[in-house]
Protein backbone atom coordinates (compact mmCIF):
# COMPACT_ATOMS: atom_id res chain seq x y z
CA MET A 1 0.09 -0.39 -0.18
CA GLU A 2 2.79 2.50 0.75
CA ILE A 3 4.34 2.49 -2.69
CA SER A 4 0.62 2.96 -4.29
CA ILE A 5 0.34 6.06 -1.73
CA LYS A 6 3.49 7.55 -2.87
CA LEU A 7 2.90 6.96 -6.32
CA ALA A 8 -0.84 8.46 -5.95
CA LYS A 9 0.62 11.36 -4.09
CA GLY A 10 2.92 12.26 -7.14
CA GLY A 11 0.36 12.31 -9.86
CA VAL A 12 -0.36 8.59 -10.86
CA PRO A 13 -4.26 8.32 -11.48
CA ILE A 14 -6.58 5.91 -9.79
CA ARG A 15 -7.48 4.14 -13.11
CA TYR A 16 -3.70 2.76 -12.54
CA PHE A 17 -4.51 1.07 -9.38
CA THR A 18 -7.70 -0.77 -10.41
CA HIS A 19 -6.22 -3.81 -11.08
CA LEU A 20 -5.26 -4.03 -7.00
CA TYR A 21 -9.21 -4.25 -5.92
CA LYS A 22 -8.72 -7.28 -4.49
CA MET A 23 -6.35 -6.53 -2.23
CA SER A 24 -7.10 -5.68 1.59
CA TRP A 25 -6.29 -2.47 1.51
CA TYR A 26 -7.77 -1.13 -1.50
CA LYS A 27 -11.08 0.11 -0.33
CA ASP A 28 -9.38 2.46 2.03
CA PHE A 29 -6.68 3.82 -0.29
CA LYS A 30 -9.66 4.56 -2.75
CA GLU A 31 -11.66 6.25 0.11
CA ASN A 32 -8.61 8.45 0.81
CA PHE A 33 -7.42 8.81 -3.28
CA LYS A 34 -8.89 12.58 -3.24
CA THR A 35 -6.36 13.47 -0.35
CA TYR A 36 -3.45 11.79 -2.16
CA THR A 37 -4.41 14.00 -5.42
CA SER A 38 -4.74 17.29 -2.95
CA PHE A 39 -0.89 16.69 -1.94
CA PHE A 40 0.19 16.04 -6.05
CA LYS A 41 -1.77 19.50 -6.58
CA SER A 42 -0.26 21.61 -4.09
CA ASN A 43 3.40 19.90 -4.15
CA TYR A 44 4.30 19.32 -7.70
CA ASN A 45 4.69 21.73 -10.53
CA GLN A 46 2.03 20.46 -13.12
CA GLU A 47 2.93 23.55 -15.53
CA LEU A 48 6.52 22.86 -15.75
CA LYS A 49 5.35 18.90 -16.08
CA ASP A 50 2.61 20.11 -18.87
CA LYS A 51 5.53 22.36 -20.88
CA TRP A 52 8.35 19.03 -20.51
CA ILE A 53 5.94 16.62 -21.92
CA ASP A 54 5.28 19.39 -24.70
CA LEU A 55 8.92 19.40 -24.95
CA ILE A 56 9.39 15.94 -25.15
CA LEU A 57 6.60 15.79 -27.89
CA LYS A 58 7.97 18.05 -29.91
CA ASP A 59 11.92 16.50 -29.92
CA ARG A 60 10.18 13.23 -30.72
CA TYR A 61 8.10 14.93 -33.66
CA PHE A 62 11.33 17.05 -34.42
CA ASN A 63 13.30 14.18 -34.57
CA LYS A 64 11.36 11.49 -36.47
CA GLU A 65 8.99 13.78 -38.37
CA ARG A 66 11.75 16.17 -39.90
CA TYR A 67 15.46 15.07 -38.98
CA HIS A 68 14.86 11.45 -39.65
CA ALA A 69 12.82 11.92 -42.48
CA HIS A 70 14.79 14.13 -44.30
CA ARG A 71 17.54 11.60 -44.14
CA GLU A 72 15.38 9.08 -45.57
CA GLY A 73 14.52 10.97 -48.38
CA GLU A 74 10.77 10.76 -47.05
CA ILE A 75 10.47 14.64 -47.31
CA ASP A 76 12.08 17.84 -48.35
CA ILE A 77 13.14 20.59 -45.71
CA SER A 78 15.31 23.40 -45.83
CA LEU A 79 18.24 23.95 -43.92
CA GLU A 80 16.93 26.81 -42.19
CA GLU A 81 14.06 25.17 -41.21
CA LEU A 82 16.04 21.83 -39.65
CA ILE A 83 18.28 24.69 -37.71
CA ASN A 84 15.11 26.74 -36.53
CA GLU A 85 13.21 23.64 -35.78
CA ALA A 86 16.36 22.30 -33.56
CA SER A 87 17.06 25.38 -32.11
CA MET A 88 13.55 25.93 -30.64
CA ILE A 89 13.84 22.62 -28.41
CA SER A 90 17.34 23.91 -27.17
CA LYS A 91 15.65 27.04 -26.57
CA GLU A 92 12.93 25.67 -24.65
CA LEU A 93 15.07 23.37 -22.47
CA LYS A 94 17.07 25.99 -21.39
CA GLY A 95 14.16 28.41 -20.68
CA MET A 96 12.78 25.65 -18.32
CA VAL A 97 15.86 25.28 -16.58
CA ASN A 98 16.48 28.75 -16.19
CA VAL A 99 12.65 29.38 -14.67
CA TYR A 100 12.25 26.50 -12.63
CA GLY A 101 15.72 24.22 -12.63
CA PHE A 102 16.11 20.76 -14.04
CA PRO A 103 13.15 19.16 -14.81
CA HIS A 104 12.64 16.23 -12.50
CA GLU A 105 10.27 14.09 -10.97
CA LYS A 106 10.96 15.68 -7.18
CA GLN A 107 9.20 18.81 -9.05
CA MET A 108 6.50 17.17 -11.51
CA GLY A 109 5.42 13.74 -10.20
CA TYR A 110 5.71 10.90 -12.06
CA LEU A 111 4.82 10.01 -15.66
CA TYR A 112 1.86 8.31 -16.35
CA ILE A 113 1.13 7.02 -19.44
CA LYS A 114 -2.60 7.10 -20.41
CA GLY A 115 -2.89 5.02 -23.17
CA GLN A 116 -0.62 1.93 -21.76
CA ASN A 117 -1.64 2.40 -18.14
CA ARG A 118 1.75 2.51 -16.81
CA ILE A 119 4.36 4.89 -15.33
CA SER A 120 7.55 5.77 -16.89
CA ASP A 121 10.50 7.54 -16.24
CA TYR A 122 10.69 11.11 -17.85
CA PRO A 123 13.28 10.83 -20.90
CA ILE A 124 15.17 13.42 -20.19
CA ASP A 125 18.17 11.65 -21.33
CA ILE A 126 16.82 11.08 -24.81
CA VAL A 127 16.00 15.03 -25.29
CA LEU A 128 19.53 15.73 -24.08
CA ARG A 129 21.00 13.28 -26.57
CA HIS A 130 19.13 14.57 -29.35
CA ILE A 131 19.98 17.95 -28.44
CA TYR A 132 23.56 16.98 -28.34
CA GLN A 133 23.50 14.90 -31.34
CA ARG A 134 22.77 18.04 -32.98
CA GLY A 135 26.11 19.58 -31.68
CA GLU A 136 24.84 21.53 -28.89
CA LEU A 137 26.34 21.02 -25.68
CA ILE A 138 23.86 23.22 -23.50
CA PHE A 139 25.41 22.29 -20.14
CA GLU A 140 29.20 22.22 -19.00
CA ASN A 141 29.89 18.76 -17.78
CA LYS A 142 30.23 19.97 -14.07
CA GLU A 143 26.64 20.90 -14.61
CA ILE A 144 25.60 17.16 -15.69
CA ASP A 145 27.44 16.03 -12.52
CA ASN A 146 25.51 18.01 -10.08
CA PHE A 147 22.11 16.94 -12.01
CA ILE A 148 23.49 13.22 -11.80
CA CYS A 149 24.54 14.07 -7.66
CA ALA A 150 20.76 15.53 -6.95
CA GLY A 151 19.04 12.74 -8.47
CA ASN A 152 17.51 14.87 -11.42
CA LEU A 153 19.65 12.58 -14.18
CA ARG A 154 20.36 9.34 -13.94
CA THR A 155 23.68 9.01 -16.17
CA LYS A 156 25.81 10.91 -18.62
CA GLU A 157 26.28 7.95 -20.88
CA ASN A 158 23.97 8.92 -23.48
CA ILE A 159 25.46 12.47 -23.74
CA SER A 160 29.12 11.83 -23.26
CA GLN A 161 31.74 12.47 -26.30
CA GLU A 162 32.38 8.82 -26.65
CA SER A 163 28.30 8.05 -27.07
CA ILE A 164 28.15 11.23 -29.46
CA GLY A 165 31.02 10.76 -31.69
CA LEU A 166 31.98 13.37 -34.22
CA TRP A 167 29.15 15.74 -33.98
CA TYR A 168 29.64 16.28 -30.23
CA GLY A 169 30.33 19.92 -29.63
CA LEU A 170 30.56 21.06 -33.10
CA GLY A 171 27.63 23.49 -32.99
CA LEU A 172 23.97 23.46 -33.77
CA LYS A 173 24.64 25.15 -37.20
CA ASN A 174 27.53 23.13 -38.13
CA VAL A 175 25.96 19.93 -37.27
CA MET A 176 22.86 20.63 -39.04
CA THR A 177 25.06 21.97 -42.41
CA LYS A 178 26.94 19.13 -42.91
CA PHE A 179 23.56 16.54 -42.14
CA TYR A 180 21.64 18.75 -44.54
CA ASN A 181 24.71 18.38 -47.12
CA ARG A 182 24.68 14.77 -46.52
CA TYR A 183 21.62 13.56 -46.89
CA SER A 184 20.21 16.10 -49.37
CA LYS A 185 18.96 15.22 -52.72
CA TYR A 186 20.21 18.10 -54.26
């Protein structure tokens, strides 16, 4: 029951727990669920959570429907569009960090995936990896280490120079230009 209460206080909706209805504690848990929801609303930042989820979706869309689709020859997109769209993702993340600090579960609660009825980690490392693959190093190694020590980021493996390779730190415009020239049909 303790884990369920912690999850509920972290913003996980009641429908996630319905499969536990046969447990001896479930009736009491369900009766007190509004208390847990109130805790979430007063202790977590829903605005930041919404912005972060929006940024995750923008990054996913850009990476799949723009960046990789161009590489595969599925769409024709200008270099300026690629640079501008990639730059907006980085700017949004920097803006969020400046206003709220580095995004993490302690601020936003848990990430509940409605259609799959599951809880997942926020893909912070994936968004950072995409930004770093595009040539931007938006945080110093010391900052990344501080995020890890504070429990806000699990690892820096996905954004290390060894992991990113040749594009690491070359700058957004340089990387996008090289990428564009390599995969453009013209």
